[in-house]
Amino acid sequence: MNEKLLEVRDLKTHFFTPDGVVKAVDGVSFILNKKEVLGIVGETGSGKSVTALSILNLIPQPFGRIVGGRIMFDGVDIAGLGQKQIQKYRGNRISMVFQDPAASLNPVYTVGNQIMESIMIHQKIDKRSARKKAMRLLDMVGIPEPQRRLNSYPHQFSGGMRQRVMIAMALANSPSILIADEPTTALDVTIQAQILELMVDVMNKTGSSIILITHDLGVVAKYADKVMVMYGGKPVEFSDIDKIFYEPLHPYTNGLMGSIARLDSKKKDRLTTIDGSPPSLIDLPPGCIFYPRCKYRMEGCARSYPRFKEVKPGHHVACHRHAEFLKEEADG
């Protein structure tokens, strides 16, 4: 039986701007179990990264803040913690690998000092012990000559090696959850595969869980156990990887699946596109936010937003027409 590690309930994170309230995350709910990889997918602006930042209370102040919902971890609602209280979780129990390691690493400090700082803050050990652990971490993530490279600066590493350093920093305190926000976007395909394999290998060795945020559905298909599809700051579908790829219930998910080449497909149809663009998250209409782009829309879709509900065991979807949608897909 799966053991629940993190539960996000109706999370809402908004940004208050002169033009209006941006509902970047508006009602996100999901469960992450131990030793599990959760993939979060969706177009740019769907709320993926803001969801991750909300978990660690890294929302830029003063314009952004969590306005509702709960983030339950170890029986504690960490969404309600202040900055001092969240420090014992951030970088310790829950760590994050950011998209751009060049922007995340401090250019004036050696990578050794940056890894050691995190270790000494959370583990209360001396500098010598912290240095030994930092060297072991660099070796674990595949950086050659780790003892020498501890004294190197970020600019002396390649992009792939900088991302390995970021992973070493994230793993320094053996976190229960590793959040990876587009960790391979700036890397070439070969290095991408190496980084992702490294994270999964570390997860298997340490028993941690991973939240993998990406727009690459191929990566999700290979590494994720469960998938949450987001659109316009909301979850539109959540299930295990096979159901998402082979039995998508939401028209948006179906559109995403149709836009990628699949080796297992028996169809000779051309790749499809989703017409239109993602909506502005300011002053959204009351109906389904995917309504203007949906080819299966009904009149009622414009009046109210569908409830995100479990329509099959372990399969949640927010769509007024999921039953009719399934029937049409089967007939077609």
C-alpha atoms as a PDB file:
ATOM      1  CA  MET A   1       0.000   0.000   0.000  1.00  0.00           C
ATOM      2  CA  ASN A   2       1.287   3.467  -0.909  1.00  0.00           C
ATOM      3  CA  GLU A   3       2.323   5.679   1.973  1.00  0.00           C
ATOM      4  CA  LYS A   4       1.270   9.315   1.623  1.00  0.00           C
ATOM      5  CA  LEU A   5       4.118  11.801   1.943  1.00  0.00           C
ATOM      6  CA  LEU A   6       2.659  15.128   0.776  1.00  0.00           C
ATOM      7  CA  GLU A   7      -0.924  16.245   0.282  1.00  0.00           C
ATOM      8  CA  VAL A   8      -1.851  19.537  -1.363  1.00  0.00           C
ATOM      9  CA  ARG A   9      -5.471  20.556  -0.832  1.00  0.00           C
ATOM     10  CA  ASP A  10      -7.154  23.304  -2.858  1.00  0.00           C
ATOM     11  CA  LEU A  11      -3.980  25.427  -3.040  1.00  0.00           C
ATOM     12  CA  LYS A  12      -4.454  29.001  -4.245  1.00  0.00           C
ATOM     13  CA  THR A  13      -1.561  31.360  -4.935  1.00  0.00           C
ATOM     14  CA  HIS A  14      -2.383  34.778  -6.369  1.00  0.00           C
ATOM     15  CA  PHE A  15      -0.383  37.804  -7.492  1.00  0.00           C
ATOM     16  CA  PHE A  16      -1.821  41.238  -6.847  1.00  0.00           C
ATOM     17  CA  THR A  17      -0.846  43.602  -9.665  1.00  0.00           C
ATOM     18  CA  PRO A  18      -2.021  47.070 -10.781  1.00  0.00           C
ATOM     19  CA  ASP A  19      -3.887  45.375 -13.646  1.00  0.00           C
ATOM     20  CA  GLY A  20      -5.752  42.960 -11.396  1.00  0.00           C
ATOM     21  CA  VAL A  21      -5.378  39.700  -9.485  1.00  0.00           C
ATOM     22  CA  VAL A  22      -3.425  36.995 -11.318  1.00  0.00           C
ATOM     23  CA  LYS A  23      -4.716  33.622 -10.155  1.00  0.00           C
ATOM     24  CA  ALA A  24      -1.524  31.754 -10.980  1.00  0.00           C
ATOM     25  CA  VAL A  25      -2.557  28.713  -8.933  1.00  0.00           C
ATOM     26  CA  ASP A  26      -6.255  28.368  -8.267  1.00  0.00           C
ATOM     27  CA  GLY A  27      -7.444  25.196  -6.575  1.00  0.00           C
ATOM     28  CA  VAL A  28      -4.622  22.688  -7.025  1.00  0.00           C
ATOM     29  CA  SER A  29      -4.965  19.368  -5.186  1.00  0.00           C
ATOM     30  CA  PHE A  30      -2.788  16.258  -5.391  1.00  0.00           C
ATOM     31  CA  ILE A  31      -1.153  13.522  -3.300  1.00  0.00           C
ATOM     32  CA  LEU A  32       2.494  12.463  -3.510  1.00  0.00           C
ATOM     33  CA  ASN A  33       3.374   9.066  -2.076  1.00  0.00           C
ATOM     34  CA  LYS A  34       6.748   7.840  -0.878  1.00  0.00           C
ATOM     35  CA  LYS A  35       9.172   6.599  -3.549  1.00  0.00           C
ATOM     36  CA  GLU A  36       6.996   8.075  -6.288  1.00  0.00           C
ATOM     37  CA  VAL A  37       7.635  10.394  -9.242  1.00  0.00           C
ATOM     38  CA  LEU A  38       4.833  12.877  -9.896  1.00  0.00           C
ATOM     39  CA  GLY A  39       4.973  14.667 -13.231  1.00  0.00           C
ATOM     40  CA  ILE A  40       3.302  18.077 -13.552  1.00  0.00           C
ATOM     41  CA  VAL A  41       2.724  19.090 -17.165  1.00  0.00           C
ATOM     42  CA  GLY A  42       1.051  21.890 -19.087  1.00  0.00           C
ATOM     43  CA  GLU A  43       1.779  24.831 -21.356  1.00  0.00           C
ATOM     44  CA  THR A  44       3.798  27.845 -20.267  1.00  0.00           C
ATOM     45  CA  GLY A  45       1.768  29.895 -17.802  1.00  0.00           C
ATOM     46  CA  SER A  46      -0.311  26.965 -16.571  1.00  0.00           C
ATOM     47  CA  GLY A  47       0.902  27.339 -12.978  1.00  0.00           C
ATOM     48  CA  LYS A  48       3.399  24.466 -12.760  1.00  0.00           C
ATOM     49  CA  SER A  49       6.351  26.406 -11.345  1.00  0.00           C
ATOM     50  CA  VAL A  50       4.223  28.551  -9.035  1.00  0.00           C
ATOM     51  CA  THR A  51       2.789  25.351  -7.551  1.00  0.00           C
ATOM     52  CA  ALA A  52       6.321  24.157  -6.799  1.00  0.00           C
ATOM     53  CA  LEU A  53       7.402  27.506  -5.357  1.00  0.00           C
ATOM     54  CA  SER A  54       4.296  27.569  -3.171  1.00  0.00           C
ATOM     55  CA  ILE A  55       5.250  24.279  -1.530  1.00  0.00           C
ATOM     56  CA  LEU A  56       8.479  25.868  -0.280  1.00  0.00           C
ATOM     57  CA  ASN A  57       6.916  29.297   0.332  1.00  0.00           C
ATOM     58  CA  LEU A  58       9.209  30.926  -2.231  1.00  0.00           C
ATOM     59  CA  ILE A  59       6.539  33.141  -3.765  1.00  0.00           C
ATOM     60  CA  PRO A  60       7.941  36.608  -4.580  1.00  0.00           C
ATOM     61  CA  GLN A  61       6.806  39.198  -2.070  1.00  0.00           C
ATOM     62  CA  PRO A  62       4.964  41.498  -1.650  1.00  0.00           C
ATOM     63  CA  PHE A  63       2.813  40.978  -4.768  1.00  0.00           C
ATOM     64  CA  GLY A  64       2.382  37.229  -4.469  1.00  0.00           C
ATOM     65  CA  ARG A  65       1.038  35.127  -1.635  1.00  0.00           C
ATOM     66  CA  ILE A  66      -0.769  31.903  -0.822  1.00  0.00           C
ATOM     67  CA  VAL A  67      -4.384  32.914  -0.242  1.00  0.00           C
ATOM     68  CA  GLY A  68      -5.955  29.525   0.405  1.00  0.00           C
ATOM     69  CA  GLY A  69      -5.517  25.796   0.741  1.00  0.00           C
ATOM     70  CA  ARG A  70      -3.289  23.495   2.742  1.00  0.00           C
ATOM     71  CA  ILE A  71       0.043  21.769   2.128  1.00  0.00           C
ATOM     72  CA  MET A  72       0.246  18.837   4.518  1.00  0.00           C
ATOM     73  CA  PHE A  73       3.699  17.350   5.128  1.00  0.00           C
ATOM     74  CA  ASP A  74       4.469  15.120   8.108  1.00  0.00           C
ATOM     75  CA  GLY A  75       1.183  16.148   9.674  1.00  0.00           C
ATOM     76  CA  VAL A  76       2.047  19.860   9.465  1.00  0.00           C
ATOM     77  CA  ASP A  77       0.358  22.442   7.247  1.00  0.00           C
ATOM     78  CA  ILE A  78       3.542  24.065   5.926  1.00  0.00           C
ATOM     79  CA  ALA A  79       1.507  26.559   3.876  1.00  0.00           C
ATOM     80  CA  GLY A  80       0.768  28.414   7.087  1.00  0.00           C
ATOM     81  CA  LEU A  81       4.355  28.606   8.345  1.00  0.00           C
ATOM     82  CA  GLY A  82       6.344  31.835   8.544  1.00  0.00           C
ATOM     83  CA  GLN A  83       9.724  32.307   6.879  1.00  0.00           C
ATOM     84  CA  LYS A  84      11.680  31.247   9.988  1.00  0.00           C
ATOM     85  CA  GLN A  85       9.566  28.145  10.521  1.00  0.00           C
ATOM     86  CA  ILE A  86       9.713  27.005   6.898  1.00  0.00           C
ATOM     87  CA  GLN A  87      13.538  27.112   6.968  1.00  0.00           C
ATOM     88  CA  LYS A  88      13.734  23.761   8.760  1.00  0.00           C
ATOM     89  CA  TYR A  89      11.899  22.183   5.803  1.00  0.00           C
ATOM     90  CA  ARG A  90      13.326  24.174   2.895  1.00  0.00           C
ATOM     91  CA  GLY A  91      16.558  22.645   1.628  1.00  0.00           C
ATOM     92  CA  ASN A  92      16.349  20.032   4.359  1.00  0.00           C
ATOM     93  CA  ARG A  93      13.220  17.884   4.138  1.00  0.00           C
ATOM     94  CA  ILE A  94      12.107  19.334   0.790  1.00  0.00           C
ATOM     95  CA  SER A  95      14.653  20.519  -1.786  1.00  0.00           C
ATOM     96  CA  MET A  96      14.373  22.050  -5.217  1.00  0.00           C
ATOM     97  CA  VAL A  97      16.446  21.903  -8.402  1.00  0.00           C
ATOM     98  CA  PHE A  98      15.780  25.046 -10.417  1.00  0.00           C
ATOM     99  CA  GLN A  99      15.624  25.407 -14.180  1.00  0.00           C
ATOM    100  CA  ASP A 100      18.711  27.580 -14.617  1.00  0.00           C
ATOM    101  CA  PRO A 101      21.719  26.531 -12.490  1.00  0.00           C
ATOM    102  CA  ALA A 102      23.741  29.511 -13.709  1.00  0.00           C
ATOM    103  CA  ALA A 103      21.221  31.860 -12.079  1.00  0.00           C
ATOM    104  CA  SER A 104      20.860  29.735  -8.937  1.00  0.00           C
ATOM    105  CA  LEU A 105      24.537  29.338  -8.054  1.00  0.00           C
ATOM    106  CA  ASN A 106      26.417  32.262  -6.530  1.00  0.00           C
ATOM    107  CA  PRO A 107      29.270  33.160  -8.936  1.00  0.00           C
ATOM    108  CA  VAL A 108      31.603  34.529  -6.214  1.00  0.00           C
ATOM    109  CA  TYR A 109      31.654  31.412  -4.016  1.00  0.00           C
ATOM    110  CA  THR A 110      33.143  28.014  -4.808  1.00  0.00           C
ATOM    111  CA  VAL A 111      30.680  25.174  -5.319  1.00  0.00           C
ATOM    112  CA  GLY A 112      32.202  23.486  -2.283  1.00  0.00           C
ATOM    113  CA  ASN A 113      31.356  26.418  -0.027  1.00  0.00           C
ATOM    114  CA  GLN A 114      27.811  26.588  -1.372  1.00  0.00           C
ATOM    115  CA  ILE A 115      27.159  22.896  -0.738  1.00  0.00           C
ATOM    116  CA  MET A 116      28.840  23.032   2.674  1.00  0.00           C
ATOM    117  CA  GLU A 117      26.722  26.003   3.764  1.00  0.00           C
ATOM    118  CA  SER A 118      23.509  24.026   3.393  1.00  0.00           C
ATOM    119  CA  ILE A 119      24.969  21.038   5.223  1.00  0.00           C
ATOM    120  CA  MET A 120      26.265  23.068   8.179  1.00  0.00           C
ATOM    121  CA  ILE A 121      23.007  25.019   8.594  1.00  0.00           C
ATOM    122  CA  HIS A 122      20.784  21.960   8.808  1.00  0.00           C
ATOM    123  CA  GLN A 123      23.070  19.276  10.251  1.00  0.00           C
ATOM    124  CA  LYS A 124      25.047  21.308  12.790  1.00  0.00           C
ATOM    125  CA  ILE A 125      28.386  19.714  11.895  1.00  0.00           C
ATOM    126  CA  ASP A 126      31.841  21.251  11.643  1.00  0.00           C
ATOM    127  CA  LYS A 127      33.388  22.586   8.456  1.00  0.00           C
ATOM    128  CA  ARG A 128      35.765  19.650   7.994  1.00  0.00           C
ATOM    129  CA  SER A 129      32.959  17.081   8.163  1.00  0.00           C
ATOM    130  CA  ALA A 130      30.798  19.209   5.875  1.00  0.00           C
ATOM    131  CA  ARG A 131      33.600  19.359   3.304  1.00  0.00           C
ATOM    132  CA  LYS A 132      33.976  15.575   3.316  1.00  0.00           C
ATOM    133  CA  LYS A 133      30.251  15.172   2.765  1.00  0.00           C
ATOM    134  CA  ALA A 134      30.269  17.766  -0.027  1.00  0.00           C
ATOM    135  CA  MET A 135      33.053  15.829  -1.743  1.00  0.00           C
ATOM    136  CA  ARG A 136      31.046  12.590  -1.484  1.00  0.00           C
ATOM    137  CA  LEU A 137      28.002  14.342  -2.940  1.00  0.00           C
ATOM    138  CA  LEU A 138      29.958  15.600  -5.964  1.00  0.00           C
ATOM    139  CA  ASP A 139      31.279  12.093  -6.494  1.00  0.00           C
ATOM    140  CA  MET A 140      27.761  10.656  -6.204  1.00  0.00           C
ATOM    141  CA  VAL A 141      26.396  12.963  -8.929  1.00  0.00           C
ATOM    142  CA  GLY A 142      29.211  12.006 -11.283  1.00  0.00           C
ATOM    143  CA  ILE A 143      31.584  14.975 -11.138  1.00  0.00           C
ATOM    144  CA  PRO A 144      35.179  13.779 -11.734  1.00  0.00           C
ATOM    145  CA  GLU A 145      37.967  14.703  -9.298  1.00  0.00           C
ATOM    146  CA  PRO A 146      35.474  15.881  -6.646  1.00  0.00           C
ATOM    147  CA  GLN A 147      38.146  16.892  -4.152  1.00  0.00           C
ATOM    148  CA  ARG A 148      39.683  19.321  -6.629  1.00  0.00           C
ATOM    149  CA  ARG A 149      36.374  20.563  -8.069  1.00  0.00           C
ATOM    150  CA  LEU A 150      35.168  21.600  -4.611  1.00  0.00           C
ATOM    151  CA  ASN A 151      37.427  24.630  -5.044  1.00  0.00           C
ATOM    152  CA  SER A 152      36.060  25.525  -8.491  1.00  0.00           C
ATOM    153  CA  TYR A 153      33.613  28.339  -9.202  1.00  0.00           C
ATOM    154  CA  PRO A 154      30.327  27.874 -11.106  1.00  0.00           C
ATOM    155  CA  HIS A 155      31.664  29.471 -14.304  1.00  0.00           C
ATOM    156  CA  GLN A 156      34.335  26.766 -14.455  1.00  0.00           C
ATOM    157  CA  PHE A 157      31.684  24.070 -14.982  1.00  0.00           C
ATOM    158  CA  SER A 158      29.693  23.208 -18.088  1.00  0.00           C
ATOM    159  CA  GLY A 159      25.904  23.555 -18.051  1.00  0.00           C
ATOM    160  CA  GLY A 160      25.411  19.859 -17.375  1.00  0.00           C
ATOM    161  CA  MET A 161      27.985  19.864 -14.580  1.00  0.00           C
ATOM    162  CA  ARG A 162      26.392  22.936 -12.972  1.00  0.00           C
ATOM    163  CA  GLN A 163      23.078  21.092 -12.932  1.00  0.00           C
ATOM    164  CA  ARG A 164      24.822  18.154 -11.246  1.00  0.00           C
ATOM    165  CA  VAL A 165      26.114  20.566  -8.614  1.00  0.00           C
ATOM    166  CA  MET A 166      22.564  21.807  -8.080  1.00  0.00           C
ATOM    167  CA  ILE A 167      21.378  18.236  -7.587  1.00  0.00           C
ATOM    168  CA  ALA A 168      24.213  17.633  -5.115  1.00  0.00           C
ATOM    169  CA  MET A 169      23.119  20.720  -3.152  1.00  0.00           C
ATOM    170  CA  ALA A 170      19.496  19.594  -3.216  1.00  0.00           C
ATOM    171  CA  LEU A 171      20.456  16.155  -1.915  1.00  0.00           C
ATOM    172  CA  ALA A 172      22.888  17.405   0.729  1.00  0.00           C
ATOM    173  CA  ASN A 173      20.486  16.827   3.611  1.00  0.00           C
ATOM    174  CA  SER A 174      18.785  13.670   2.300  1.00  0.00           C
ATOM    175  CA  PRO A 175      15.401  15.311   1.587  1.00  0.00           C
ATOM    176  CA  SER A 176      12.175  13.336   1.512  1.00  0.00           C
ATOM    177  CA  ILE A 177      11.011  15.284  -1.553  1.00  0.00           C
ATOM    178  CA  LEU A 178      13.043  16.575  -4.493  1.00  0.00           C
ATOM    179  CA  ILE A 179      11.259  19.139  -6.664  1.00  0.00           C
ATOM    180  CA  ALA A 180      12.805  19.424 -10.133  1.00  0.00           C
ATOM    181  CA  ASP A 181      11.529  22.449 -12.077  1.00  0.00           C
ATOM    182  CA  GLU A 182      12.395  21.952 -15.762  1.00  0.00           C
ATOM    183  CA  PRO A 183      15.815  20.606 -14.694  1.00  0.00           C
ATOM    184  CA  THR A 184      17.031  19.772 -18.198  1.00  0.00           C
ATOM    185  CA  THR A 185      15.609  22.554 -20.382  1.00  0.00           C
ATOM    186  CA  ALA A 186      18.944  24.242 -21.144  1.00  0.00           C
ATOM    187  CA  LEU A 187      20.841  20.980 -21.716  1.00  0.00           C
ATOM    188  CA  ASP A 188      21.394  18.900 -24.832  1.00  0.00           C
ATOM    189  CA  VAL A 189      19.521  15.614 -25.231  1.00  0.00           C
ATOM    190  CA  THR A 190      22.364  13.356 -24.088  1.00  0.00           C
ATOM    191  CA  ILE A 191      22.997  15.360 -20.915  1.00  0.00           C
ATOM    192  CA  GLN A 192      19.242  15.558 -20.267  1.00  0.00           C
ATOM    193  CA  ALA A 193      19.026  11.783 -20.112  1.00  0.00           C
ATOM    194  CA  GLN A 194      22.044  11.572 -17.794  1.00  0.00           C
ATOM    195  CA  ILE A 195      20.594  14.134 -15.357  1.00  0.00           C
ATOM    196  CA  LEU A 196      17.166  12.478 -15.236  1.00  0.00           C
ATOM    197  CA  GLU A 197      18.655   9.014 -14.776  1.00  0.00           C
ATOM    198  CA  LEU A 198      20.803  10.415 -11.982  1.00  0.00           C
ATOM    199  CA  MET A 199      17.800  11.831 -10.116  1.00  0.00           C
ATOM    200  CA  VAL A 200      15.835   8.604 -10.400  1.00  0.00           C
ATOM    201  CA  ASP A 201      18.869   6.566  -9.317  1.00  0.00           C
ATOM    202  CA  VAL A 202      19.305   8.772  -6.243  1.00  0.00           C
ATOM    203  CA  MET A 203      15.585   8.443  -5.477  1.00  0.00           C
ATOM    204  CA  ASN A 204      15.854   4.664  -5.561  1.00  0.00           C
ATOM    205  CA  LYS A 205      18.892   4.710  -3.268  1.00  0.00           C
ATOM    206  CA  THR A 206      17.538   7.182  -0.721  1.00  0.00           C
ATOM    207  CA  GLY A 207      13.825   6.359  -0.818  1.00  0.00           C
ATOM    208  CA  SER A 208      12.870   9.954  -1.601  1.00  0.00           C
ATOM    209  CA  SER A 209      10.087  11.158  -3.914  1.00  0.00           C
ATOM    210  CA  ILE A 210      10.289  13.488  -6.914  1.00  0.00           C
ATOM    211  CA  ILE A 211       7.993  16.168  -8.270  1.00  0.00           C
ATOM    212  CA  LEU A 212       9.076  16.604 -11.894  1.00  0.00           C
ATOM    213  CA  ILE A 213       7.844  19.770 -13.599  1.00  0.00           C
ATOM    214  CA  THR A 214       8.236  19.737 -17.352  1.00  0.00           C
ATOM    215  CA  HIS A 215       6.611  20.471 -20.702  1.00  0.00           C
ATOM    216  CA  ASP A 216       8.298  17.398 -22.209  1.00  0.00           C
ATOM    217  CA  LEU A 217       5.718  14.613 -22.340  1.00  0.00           C
ATOM    218  CA  GLY A 218       8.372  12.132 -23.424  1.00  0.00           C
ATOM    219  CA  VAL A 219      10.228  12.669 -20.160  1.00  0.00           C
ATOM    220  CA  VAL A 220       7.000  12.229 -18.208  1.00  0.00           C
ATOM    221  CA  ALA A 221       6.186   8.999 -20.059  1.00  0.00           C
ATOM    222  CA  LYS A 222       9.534   7.477 -19.131  1.00  0.00           C
ATOM    223  CA  TYR A 223      10.013   8.604 -15.540  1.00  0.00           C
ATOM    224  CA  ALA A 224       6.685   9.523 -13.893  1.00  0.00           C
ATOM    225  CA  ASP A 225       4.405   7.219 -11.926  1.00  0.00           C
ATOM    226  CA  LYS A 226       1.541   9.712 -11.793  1.00  0.00           C
ATOM    227  CA  VAL A 227       0.748  12.846 -13.779  1.00  0.00           C
ATOM    228  CA  MET A 228      -1.117  16.059 -13.023  1.00  0.00           C
ATOM    229  CA  VAL A 229      -2.112  18.082 -16.094  1.00  0.00           C
ATOM    230  CA  MET A 230      -2.544  21.816 -15.427  1.00  0.00           C
ATOM    231  CA  TYR A 231      -4.227  24.523 -17.477  1.00  0.00           C
ATOM    232  CA  GLY A 232      -4.819  28.143 -16.523  1.00  0.00           C
ATOM    233  CA  GLY A 233      -3.642  27.656 -12.940  1.00  0.00           C
ATOM    234  CA  LYS A 234      -5.947  24.695 -12.334  1.00  0.00           C
ATOM    235  CA  PRO A 235      -5.566  20.914 -12.409  1.00  0.00           C
ATOM    236  CA  VAL A 236      -7.656  19.457 -15.225  1.00  0.00           C
ATOM    237  CA  GLU A 237      -6.617  15.814 -14.918  1.00  0.00           C
ATOM    238  CA  PHE A 238      -4.739  13.602 -12.468  1.00  0.00           C
ATOM    239  CA  SER A 239      -4.047   9.870 -12.666  1.00  0.00           C
ATOM    240  CA  ASP A 240      -1.321   7.282 -13.122  1.00  0.00           C
ATOM    241  CA  ILE A 241       0.897   7.461 -16.177  1.00  0.00           C
ATOM    242  CA  ASP A 242      -0.828   4.727 -18.217  1.00  0.00           C
ATOM    243  CA  LYS A 243      -4.306   6.205 -17.843  1.00  0.00           C
ATOM    244  CA  ILE A 244      -3.106   9.685 -18.771  1.00  0.00           C
ATOM    245  CA  PHE A 245      -1.374   8.478 -21.933  1.00  0.00           C
ATOM    246  CA  TYR A 246      -3.807   5.788 -23.055  1.00  0.00           C
ATOM    247  CA  GLU A 247      -7.153   6.886 -21.559  1.00  0.00           C
ATOM    248  CA  PRO A 248      -7.098  10.709 -21.322  1.00  0.00           C
ATOM    249  CA  LEU A 249     -10.444  12.095 -20.185  1.00  0.00           C
ATOM    250  CA  HIS A 250      -9.949  15.825 -20.608  1.00  0.00           C
ATOM    251  CA  PRO A 251      -9.930  17.402 -24.099  1.00  0.00           C
ATOM    252  CA  TYR A 252      -6.820  19.415 -23.179  1.00  0.00           C
ATOM    253  CA  THR A 253      -4.922  16.282 -22.160  1.00  0.00           C
ATOM    254  CA  ASN A 254      -6.065  14.600 -25.342  1.00  0.00           C
ATOM    255  CA  GLY A 255      -4.777  17.582 -27.316  1.00  0.00           C
ATOM    256  CA  LEU A 256      -1.384  17.366 -25.619  1.00  0.00           C
ATOM    257  CA  MET A 257      -1.160  13.660 -26.376  1.00  0.00           C
ATOM    258  CA  GLY A 258      -2.016  14.303 -30.024  1.00  0.00           C
ATOM    259  CA  SER A 259       0.785  16.855 -30.376  1.00  0.00           C
ATOM    260  CA  ILE A 260       3.627  14.415 -29.726  1.00  0.00           C
ATOM    261  CA  ALA A 261       5.055  11.645 -31.899  1.00  0.00           C
ATOM    262  CA  ARG A 262       4.554   8.198 -30.379  1.00  0.00           C
ATOM    263  CA  LEU A 263       6.393   5.061 -31.404  1.00  0.00           C
ATOM    264  CA  ASP A 264       3.613   2.860 -30.033  1.00  0.00           C
ATOM    265  CA  SER A 265       0.894   4.506 -32.099  1.00  0.00           C
ATOM    266  CA  LYS A 266      -0.774   2.367 -34.754  1.00  0.00           C
ATOM    267  CA  LYS A 267      -2.416   5.396 -36.338  1.00  0.00           C
ATOM    268  CA  LYS A 268      -0.904   7.147 -39.341  1.00  0.00           C
ATOM    269  CA  ASP A 269      -2.589  10.443 -38.547  1.00  0.00           C
ATOM    270  CA  ARG A 270      -0.573  13.641 -38.554  1.00  0.00           C
ATOM    271  CA  LEU A 271       0.228  15.371 -35.300  1.00  0.00           C
ATOM    272  CA  THR A 272      -2.532  17.661 -34.083  1.00  0.00           C
ATOM    273  CA  THR A 273      -2.460  21.116 -32.530  1.00  0.00           C
ATOM    274  CA  ILE A 274      -4.588  22.862 -29.932  1.00  0.00           C
ATOM    275  CA  ASP A 275      -6.148  25.929 -31.504  1.00  0.00           C
ATOM    276  CA  GLY A 276      -5.836  29.287 -29.726  1.00  0.00           C
ATOM    277  CA  SER A 277      -3.647  30.390 -26.840  1.00  0.00           C
ATOM    278  CA  PRO A 278      -3.691  29.981 -23.048  1.00  0.00           C
ATOM    279  CA  PRO A 279      -5.930  32.531 -21.307  1.00  0.00           C
ATOM    280  CA  SER A 280      -4.948  35.568 -19.286  1.00  0.00           C
ATOM    281  CA  LEU A 281      -5.213  34.667 -15.616  1.00  0.00           C
ATOM    282  CA  ILE A 282      -6.671  38.081 -14.712  1.00  0.00           C
ATOM    283  CA  ASP A 283     -10.457  38.263 -14.342  1.00  0.00           C
ATOM    284  CA  LEU A 284     -11.186  34.816 -15.712  1.00  0.00           C
ATOM    285  CA  PRO A 285     -14.764  34.131 -16.858  1.00  0.00           C
ATOM    286  CA  PRO A 286     -16.968  31.896 -14.672  1.00  0.00           C
ATOM    287  CA  GLY A 287     -17.060  28.965 -17.074  1.00  0.00           C
ATOM    288  CA  CYS A 288     -14.452  26.393 -18.057  1.00  0.00           C
ATOM    289  CA  ILE A 289     -11.245  28.234 -18.927  1.00  0.00           C
ATOM    290  CA  PHE A 290     -10.500  25.754 -21.718  1.00  0.00           C
ATOM    291  CA  TYR A 291     -13.912  26.453 -23.281  1.00  0.00           C
ATOM    292  CA  PRO A 292     -12.685  28.836 -26.074  1.00  0.00           C
ATOM    293  CA  ARG A 293     -10.200  26.234 -27.347  1.00  0.00           C
ATOM    294  CA  CYS A 294     -12.246  23.063 -26.814  1.00  0.00           C
ATOM    295  CA  LYS A 295     -13.742  21.281 -29.818  1.00  0.00           C
ATOM    296  CA  TYR A 296     -16.034  19.268 -27.513  1.00  0.00           C
ATOM    297  CA  ARG A 297     -17.549  22.272 -25.718  1.00  0.00           C
ATOM    298  CA  MET A 298     -21.214  22.453 -24.801  1.00  0.00           C
ATOM    299  CA  GLU A 299     -23.386  25.424 -23.965  1.00  0.00           C
ATOM    300  CA  GLY A 300     -23.138  24.792 -20.202  1.00  0.00           C
ATOM    301  CA  CYS A 301     -19.341  24.867 -20.281  1.00  0.00           C
ATOM    302  CA  ALA A 302     -19.375  28.682 -20.499  1.00  0.00           C
ATOM    303  CA  ARG A 303     -21.567  29.091 -17.418  1.00  0.00           C
ATOM    304  CA  SER A 304     -19.734  27.231 -14.656  1.00  0.00           C
ATOM    305  CA  TYR A 305     -16.323  25.700 -14.016  1.00  0.00           C
ATOM    306  CA  PRO A 306     -16.496  21.888 -13.739  1.00  0.00           C
ATOM    307  CA  ARG A 307     -15.688  20.316 -10.392  1.00  0.00           C
ATOM    308  CA  PHE A 308     -12.400  18.419 -10.224  1.00  0.00           C
ATOM    309  CA  LYS A 309     -13.634  14.954  -9.285  1.00  0.00           C
ATOM    310  CA  GLU A 310     -12.761  11.266  -9.353  1.00  0.00           C
ATOM    311  CA  VAL A 311     -14.673   9.732 -12.248  1.00  0.00           C
ATOM    312  CA  LYS A 312     -12.828   6.406 -12.254  1.00  0.00           C
ATOM    313  CA  PRO A 313     -10.738   4.779  -9.504  1.00  0.00           C
ATOM    314  CA  GLY A 314      -7.665   6.978  -9.101  1.00  0.00           C
ATOM    315  CA  HIS A 315      -8.576   9.120 -12.109  1.00  0.00           C
ATOM    316  CA  HIS A 316      -9.634  12.739 -11.490  1.00  0.00           C
ATOM    317  CA  VAL A 317     -10.809  15.170 -14.158  1.00  0.00           C
ATOM    318  CA  ALA A 318     -12.453  18.582 -14.413  1.00  0.00           C
ATOM    319  CA  CYS A 319     -14.707  18.418 -17.468  1.00  0.00           C
ATOM    320  CA  HIS A 320     -18.470  18.800 -17.880  1.00  0.00           C
ATOM    321  CA  ARG A 321     -18.485  16.471 -20.805  1.00  0.00           C
ATOM    322  CA  HIS A 322     -16.055  13.728 -19.857  1.00  0.00           C
ATOM    323  CA  ALA A 323     -18.620  10.963 -20.385  1.00  0.00           C
ATOM    324  CA  GLU A 324     -19.709  12.248 -23.799  1.00  0.00           C
ATOM    325  CA  PHE A 325     -16.085  12.944 -24.704  1.00  0.00           C
ATOM    326  CA  LEU A 326     -15.146   9.329 -23.977  1.00  0.00           C
ATOM    327  CA  LYS A 327     -18.045   8.026 -26.053  1.00  0.00           C
ATOM    328  CA  GLU A 328     -17.143  10.192 -29.055  1.00  0.00           C
ATOM    329  CA  GLU A 329     -13.502   9.104 -28.857  1.00  0.00           C
ATOM    330  CA  ALA A 330     -14.524   5.450 -28.741  1.00  0.00           C
ATOM    331  CA  ASP A 331     -16.907   5.871 -31.692  1.00  0.00           C
ATOM    332  CA  GLY A 332     -14.302   7.763 -33.681  1.00  0.00           C
END
